[in-house]
Protein backbone atom coordinates (compact mmCIF):
# COMPACT_ATOMS: atom_id res chain seq x y z
CA UNK A 1 -13.92 -0.27 -5.03
CA UNK A 2 -11.64 -2.86 -6.58
CA UNK A 3 -13.91 -5.47 -8.03
CA UNK A 4 -12.60 -6.48 -11.43
CA UNK A 5 -9.60 -8.74 -11.65
CA UNK A 6 -7.88 -6.44 -14.15
CA UNK A 7 -8.37 -3.45 -11.81
CA UNK A 8 -6.76 -5.34 -8.95
CA UNK A 9 -3.91 -6.56 -11.12
CA UNK A 10 -3.21 -3.04 -12.39
CA UNK A 11 -3.34 -1.67 -8.85
CA UNK A 12 -0.87 -4.28 -7.58
CA UNK A 13 1.51 -3.64 -10.52
CA UNK A 14 1.44 0.10 -9.91
CA UNK A 15 1.96 -0.33 -6.19
CA UNK A 16 4.85 -2.73 -6.80
CA UNK A 17 6.52 -0.16 -9.07
CA UNK A 18 5.89 2.57 -6.48
CA UNK A 19 7.29 0.37 -3.70
CA UNK A 20 10.43 -0.47 -5.68
CA UNK A 21 11.08 3.21 -6.38
CA UNK A 22 10.60 4.27 -2.76
CA UNK A 23 12.59 1.35 -1.35
CA UNK A 24 15.78 2.26 -3.14
CA UNK A 25 18.99 2.32 -1.05
CA UNK A 26 19.33 6.06 -1.74
CA UNK A 27 16.08 6.85 0.03
CA UNK A 28 16.60 4.28 2.77
CA UNK A 29 20.04 5.64 3.69
CA UNK A 30 18.83 9.20 4.17
CA UNK A 31 19.16 10.31 7.78
CA UNK A 32 16.82 13.29 8.16
CA UNK A 33 13.84 12.95 10.48
CA UNK A 34 11.40 13.80 7.67
CA UNK A 35 12.81 11.07 5.43
CA UNK A 36 12.65 8.51 8.24
CA UNK A 37 9.03 9.45 8.91
CA UNK A 38 8.23 9.16 5.19
CA UNK A 39 9.84 5.72 5.08
CA UNK A 40 7.75 4.63 8.10
CA UNK A 41 4.57 5.84 6.42
CA UNK A 42 5.49 4.02 3.20
CA UNK A 43 6.20 0.81 5.17
CA UNK A 44 2.81 1.18 6.87
CA UNK A 45 1.18 1.63 3.47
CA UNK A 46 2.99 -1.44 2.15
CA UNK A 47 1.79 -3.46 5.16
CA UNK A 48 -1.78 -2.32 4.51
CA UNK A 49 -1.52 -3.50 0.88
CA UNK A 50 -0.11 -6.83 2.00
CA UNK A 51 -3.04 -7.17 4.41
CA UNK A 52 -5.47 -6.46 1.55
CA UNK A 53 -3.76 -9.05 -0.60
CA UNK A 54 -3.88 -11.63 2.18
CA UNK A 55 -7.57 -10.91 2.79
CA UNK A 56 -8.32 -11.37 -0.91
CA UNK A 57 -6.39 -14.65 -1.10
CA UNK A 58 -8.07 -16.04 2.02
CA UNK A 59 -11.61 -15.07 1.00
CA UNK A 60 -11.24 -15.58 -2.72
CA UNK A 61 -13.68 -12.72 -3.25
CA UNK A 62 -13.25 -9.12 -4.37
CA UNK A 63 -12.31 -6.47 -1.84
CA UNK A 64 -15.36 -4.29 -1.18
CA UNK A 65 -15.99 -0.93 0.48
CA UNK A 66 -16.91 -2.80 3.68
CA UNK A 67 -13.36 -4.10 4.13
CA UNK A 68 -11.60 -2.85 7.26
CA UNK A 69 -8.28 -3.51 5.51
CA UNK A 70 -9.31 -1.27 2.63
CA UNK A 71 -10.23 1.52 5.05
CA UNK A 72 -6.85 1.13 6.75
CA UNK A 73 -5.12 1.38 3.37
CA UNK A 74 -7.07 4.53 2.45
CA UNK A 75 -6.25 6.09 5.82
CA UNK A 76 -2.53 5.42 5.33
CA UNK A 77 -2.59 6.66 1.73
CA UNK A 78 -4.43 9.85 2.70
CA UNK A 79 -1.87 10.48 5.45
CA UNK A 80 0.98 9.98 3.00
CA UNK A 81 -0.53 12.41 0.50
CA UNK A 82 -1.06 15.21 3.02
């Protein structure tokens, strides 16, 4: 659960660094089916993080384990790591 402000900030910084690395033109220009699928999964993961960020900004409260957006993010992350 991301409850402390510093935890959330660290998470967002790490995700931003991850996103910048995986969004490089080298990876995006790859044409294999596996690479395209990986890029789609990463985009889905990015969208889930953006949804979490939007939810936090709108509510002004910490993201808890009850958050549907958090469950969506975990599902996407688990799929990526398989």
